[in-house]
């Protein structure tokens, strides 16, 4: 529950977490965060291209499912208009 407690303490704009973690898997943590905070924006990152993981992420309402070998996709999710658009 460390990830859930960290979310509640920090209230970040985005959560980026691995699907496979110690004690509580990322899917479980994401599900718990979404259950408590439905507007939380979560992106799950993994090295596994597994349709079951992707479907589970979608069911949880995650904003993205990103493979670690395609982190440019993560950047596109977090900064859809480019990082430069954040400055100003």
N, C-alpha and C. Protein backbone atom coordinates (compact mmCIF):
# COMPACT_ATOMS: atom_id res chain seq x y z
N UNK A 1 0.80 -1.20 0.00
CA UNK A 1 0.00 0.00 0.00
C UNK A 1 0.85 1.27 0.00
N UNK A 2 2.14 1.12 -0.12
CA UNK A 2 3.03 2.29 -0.10
C UNK A 2 2.71 3.25 -1.24
N UNK A 3 2.42 2.72 -2.42
CA UNK A 3 2.09 3.59 -3.57
C UNK A 3 0.79 4.34 -3.32
N UNK A 4 -0.17 3.69 -2.72
CA UNK A 4 -1.46 4.33 -2.43
C UNK A 4 -1.27 5.44 -1.39
N UNK A 5 -0.51 5.14 -0.34
CA UNK A 5 -0.24 6.14 0.70
C UNK A 5 0.53 7.33 0.12
N UNK A 6 1.48 7.06 -0.76
CA UNK A 6 2.25 8.14 -1.39
C UNK A 6 1.33 9.01 -2.24
N UNK A 7 0.41 8.40 -2.96
CA UNK A 7 -0.52 9.19 -3.76
C UNK A 7 -1.37 10.10 -2.86
N UNK A 8 -1.89 9.53 -1.79
CA UNK A 8 -2.76 10.31 -0.91
C UNK A 8 -2.00 11.43 -0.21
N UNK A 9 -0.75 11.19 0.09
CA UNK A 9 0.07 12.20 0.76
C UNK A 9 0.47 13.32 -0.21
N UNK A 10 0.87 12.96 -1.42
CA UNK A 10 1.43 13.92 -2.37
C UNK A 10 0.42 14.51 -3.35
N UNK A 11 -0.64 13.77 -3.66
CA UNK A 11 -1.66 14.20 -4.63
C UNK A 11 -1.01 14.69 -5.94
N UNK A 12 -0.23 13.85 -6.61
CA UNK A 12 0.47 14.27 -7.83
C UNK A 12 -0.50 14.46 -9.01
N UNK A 13 -0.04 15.21 -10.02
CA UNK A 13 -0.82 15.37 -11.24
C UNK A 13 -0.90 14.05 -12.00
N UNK A 14 0.19 13.30 -11.98
CA UNK A 14 0.28 12.03 -12.70
C UNK A 14 0.92 10.99 -11.80
N UNK A 15 0.54 9.73 -12.01
CA UNK A 15 1.21 8.59 -11.39
C UNK A 15 1.74 7.73 -12.53
N UNK A 16 3.03 7.45 -12.49
CA UNK A 16 3.65 6.54 -13.45
C UNK A 16 4.24 5.41 -12.63
N UNK A 17 3.73 4.20 -12.84
CA UNK A 17 4.23 3.08 -12.03
C UNK A 17 4.35 1.82 -12.87
N UNK A 18 5.26 0.98 -12.41
CA UNK A 18 5.49 -0.31 -13.04
C UNK A 18 4.35 -1.24 -12.69
N UNK A 19 4.01 -2.12 -13.59
CA UNK A 19 2.97 -3.11 -13.32
C UNK A 19 3.44 -4.13 -12.30
N UNK A 20 4.72 -4.48 -12.33
CA UNK A 20 5.27 -5.48 -11.42
C UNK A 20 6.08 -4.76 -10.34
N UNK A 21 5.61 -4.83 -9.08
CA UNK A 21 6.31 -4.21 -7.96
C UNK A 21 6.29 -5.17 -6.78
N UNK A 22 7.10 -4.86 -5.77
CA UNK A 22 7.11 -5.68 -4.55
C UNK A 22 5.82 -5.45 -3.76
N UNK A 23 5.41 -6.44 -3.05
CA UNK A 23 4.28 -6.41 -2.12
C UNK A 23 2.92 -6.20 -2.78
N UNK A 24 2.77 -5.16 -3.59
CA UNK A 24 1.50 -4.91 -4.27
C UNK A 24 1.83 -4.63 -5.73
N UNK A 25 1.22 -5.35 -6.62
CA UNK A 25 1.50 -5.12 -8.03
C UNK A 25 0.94 -3.76 -8.46
N UNK A 26 1.48 -3.23 -9.52
CA UNK A 26 1.06 -1.93 -10.02
C UNK A 26 -0.41 -1.88 -10.38
N UNK A 27 -0.93 -2.97 -10.92
CA UNK A 27 -2.36 -3.01 -11.25
C UNK A 27 -3.20 -2.90 -9.99
N UNK A 28 -2.80 -3.60 -8.95
CA UNK A 28 -3.53 -3.54 -7.69
C UNK A 28 -3.46 -2.15 -7.08
N UNK A 29 -2.27 -1.55 -7.10
CA UNK A 29 -2.11 -0.20 -6.56
C UNK A 29 -2.91 0.80 -7.38
N UNK A 30 -2.86 0.68 -8.70
CA UNK A 30 -3.61 1.59 -9.57
C UNK A 30 -5.11 1.45 -9.32
N UNK A 31 -5.57 0.23 -9.16
CA UNK A 31 -6.98 0.00 -8.89
C UNK A 31 -7.41 0.61 -7.57
N UNK A 32 -6.56 0.49 -6.56
CA UNK A 32 -6.87 1.07 -5.25
C UNK A 32 -6.89 2.60 -5.32
N UNK A 33 -5.90 3.17 -6.01
CA UNK A 33 -5.86 4.63 -6.16
C UNK A 33 -7.11 5.12 -6.90
N UNK A 34 -7.45 4.45 -8.02
CA UNK A 34 -8.63 4.86 -8.80
C UNK A 34 -9.92 4.70 -8.00
N UNK A 35 -10.00 3.67 -7.17
CA UNK A 35 -11.20 3.46 -6.36
C UNK A 35 -11.39 4.60 -5.36
N UNK A 36 -10.28 5.07 -4.80
CA UNK A 36 -10.34 6.15 -3.81
C UNK A 36 -10.36 7.53 -4.45
N UNK A 37 -9.72 7.63 -5.62
CA UNK A 37 -9.57 8.92 -6.30
C UNK A 37 -9.85 8.72 -7.79
N UNK A 38 -11.10 8.69 -8.20
CA UNK A 38 -11.46 8.37 -9.59
C UNK A 38 -10.83 9.29 -10.64
N UNK A 39 -10.45 10.50 -10.26
CA UNK A 39 -9.85 11.42 -11.23
C UNK A 39 -8.34 11.31 -11.31
N UNK A 40 -7.75 10.39 -10.57
CA UNK A 40 -6.30 10.20 -10.63
C UNK A 40 -5.90 9.81 -12.04
N UNK A 41 -4.80 10.38 -12.52
CA UNK A 41 -4.30 10.04 -13.86
C UNK A 41 -3.09 9.12 -13.70
N UNK A 42 -3.24 7.91 -14.22
CA UNK A 42 -2.24 6.86 -14.01
C UNK A 42 -1.79 6.30 -15.35
N UNK A 43 -0.47 6.13 -15.46
CA UNK A 43 0.13 5.45 -16.61
C UNK A 43 0.91 4.26 -16.05
N UNK A 44 0.63 3.09 -16.60
CA UNK A 44 1.33 1.88 -16.18
C UNK A 44 2.43 1.56 -17.19
N UNK A 45 3.60 1.24 -16.67
CA UNK A 45 4.77 0.95 -17.49
C UNK A 45 5.19 -0.49 -17.24
N UNK A 46 5.58 -1.18 -18.31
CA UNK A 46 5.98 -2.58 -18.16
C UNK A 46 6.93 -3.00 -19.27
N UNK A 47 7.60 -4.08 -19.03
CA UNK A 47 8.44 -4.67 -20.08
C UNK A 47 7.70 -5.80 -20.80
N UNK A 48 6.49 -6.11 -20.32
CA UNK A 48 5.74 -7.23 -20.87
C UNK A 48 4.64 -6.76 -21.82
N UNK A 49 4.70 -7.22 -23.04
CA UNK A 49 3.66 -6.92 -24.01
C UNK A 49 2.59 -8.00 -23.88
N UNK A 50 1.75 -7.84 -22.89
CA UNK A 50 0.75 -8.85 -22.57
C UNK A 50 -0.64 -8.25 -22.71
N UNK A 51 -1.46 -8.75 -23.63
CA UNK A 51 -2.80 -8.19 -23.83
C UNK A 51 -3.65 -8.23 -22.56
N UNK A 52 -3.43 -9.21 -21.69
CA UNK A 52 -4.20 -9.27 -20.45
C UNK A 52 -3.87 -8.11 -19.52
N UNK A 53 -2.58 -7.75 -19.44
CA UNK A 53 -2.18 -6.59 -18.64
C UNK A 53 -2.78 -5.32 -19.23
N UNK A 54 -2.72 -5.21 -20.54
CA UNK A 54 -3.25 -4.02 -21.20
C UNK A 54 -4.77 -3.89 -20.97
N UNK A 55 -5.48 -4.98 -21.10
CA UNK A 55 -6.93 -4.97 -20.85
C UNK A 55 -7.24 -4.59 -19.41
N UNK A 56 -6.46 -5.12 -18.48
CA UNK A 56 -6.67 -4.80 -17.06
C UNK A 56 -6.42 -3.31 -16.81
N UNK A 57 -5.38 -2.77 -17.43
CA UNK A 57 -5.08 -1.33 -17.29
C UNK A 57 -6.24 -0.49 -17.82
N UNK A 58 -6.78 -0.88 -18.94
CA UNK A 58 -7.91 -0.16 -19.53
C UNK A 58 -9.15 -0.24 -18.63
N UNK A 59 -9.42 -1.42 -18.08
CA UNK A 59 -10.56 -1.59 -17.18
C UNK A 59 -10.44 -0.71 -15.94
N UNK A 60 -9.21 -0.53 -15.47
CA UNK A 60 -8.98 0.32 -14.29
C UNK A 60 -9.15 1.80 -14.60
N UNK A 61 -9.10 2.13 -15.88
CA UNK A 61 -9.21 3.53 -16.26
C UNK A 61 -7.87 4.23 -16.34
N UNK A 62 -6.80 3.46 -16.49
CA UNK A 62 -5.47 4.07 -16.64
C UNK A 62 -5.42 4.86 -17.94
N UNK A 63 -4.70 5.97 -17.90
CA UNK A 63 -4.59 6.82 -19.09
C UNK A 63 -3.63 6.23 -20.11
N UNK A 64 -2.81 5.28 -19.68
CA UNK A 64 -1.90 4.68 -20.64
C UNK A 64 -1.28 3.40 -20.12
N UNK A 65 -0.81 2.62 -21.08
CA UNK A 65 -0.09 1.37 -20.85
C UNK A 65 1.11 1.46 -21.78
N UNK A 66 2.31 1.56 -21.22
CA UNK A 66 3.50 1.86 -22.01
C UNK A 66 4.54 0.78 -21.81
N UNK A 67 5.09 0.31 -22.91
CA UNK A 67 6.20 -0.64 -22.84
C UNK A 67 7.49 0.12 -22.56
N UNK A 68 8.34 -0.46 -21.74
CA UNK A 68 9.58 0.21 -21.36
C UNK A 68 10.49 0.47 -22.55
N UNK A 69 10.35 -0.30 -23.60
CA UNK A 69 11.20 -0.05 -24.77
C UNK A 69 10.59 0.99 -25.71
N UNK A 70 9.48 1.64 -25.29
CA UNK A 70 8.85 2.70 -26.09
C UNK A 70 8.47 3.86 -25.18
N UNK A 71 9.45 4.40 -24.47
CA UNK A 71 9.16 5.47 -23.53
C UNK A 71 8.80 6.78 -24.21
N UNK A 72 8.99 6.87 -25.52
CA UNK A 72 8.50 8.07 -26.22
C UNK A 72 6.98 8.12 -26.11
N UNK A 73 6.33 6.98 -26.02
CA UNK A 73 4.88 6.93 -25.84
C UNK A 73 4.49 7.56 -24.50
N UNK A 74 5.29 7.32 -23.48
CA UNK A 74 5.04 7.92 -22.17
C UNK A 74 5.10 9.45 -22.28
N UNK A 75 6.09 9.93 -22.97
CA UNK A 75 6.23 11.37 -23.18
C UNK A 75 5.01 11.93 -23.91
N UNK A 76 4.51 11.22 -24.89
CA UNK A 76 3.33 11.67 -25.65
C UNK A 76 2.09 11.74 -24.76
N UNK A 77 1.97 10.82 -23.82
CA UNK A 77 0.82 10.83 -22.91
C UNK A 77 0.92 11.99 -21.93
N UNK A 78 2.10 12.16 -21.34
CA UNK A 78 2.28 13.19 -20.33
C UNK A 78 2.28 14.60 -20.91
N UNK A 79 2.87 14.74 -22.09
CA UNK A 79 2.99 16.06 -22.72
C UNK A 79 2.47 15.98 -24.15
N UNK A 80 1.15 15.89 -24.34
CA UNK A 80 0.60 15.70 -25.69
C UNK A 80 0.92 16.84 -26.66
N UNK A 81 1.24 18.00 -26.13
CA UNK A 81 1.56 19.14 -26.99
C UNK A 81 3.04 19.46 -26.95
N UNK A 82 3.83 18.53 -26.44
CA UNK A 82 5.26 18.73 -26.32
C UNK A 82 5.61 19.34 -24.98
N UNK A 83 6.81 19.05 -24.51
CA UNK A 83 7.25 19.60 -23.23
C UNK A 83 7.29 21.11 -23.24
N UNK A 84 7.60 21.68 -24.38
CA UNK A 84 7.68 23.15 -24.49
C UNK A 84 6.36 23.81 -24.14
N UNK A 85 5.26 23.13 -24.40
CA UNK A 85 3.92 23.70 -24.12
C UNK A 85 3.69 23.86 -22.62
N UNK A 86 4.45 23.13 -21.79
CA UNK A 86 4.29 23.26 -20.35
C UNK A 86 4.87 24.55 -19.81
N UNK A 87 5.88 25.07 -20.46
CA UNK A 87 6.58 26.25 -19.97
C UNK A 87 5.81 27.49 -20.40
N UNK A 88 5.62 28.39 -19.49
CA UNK A 88 4.94 29.60 -19.91
C UNK A 88 4.28 30.30 -18.87
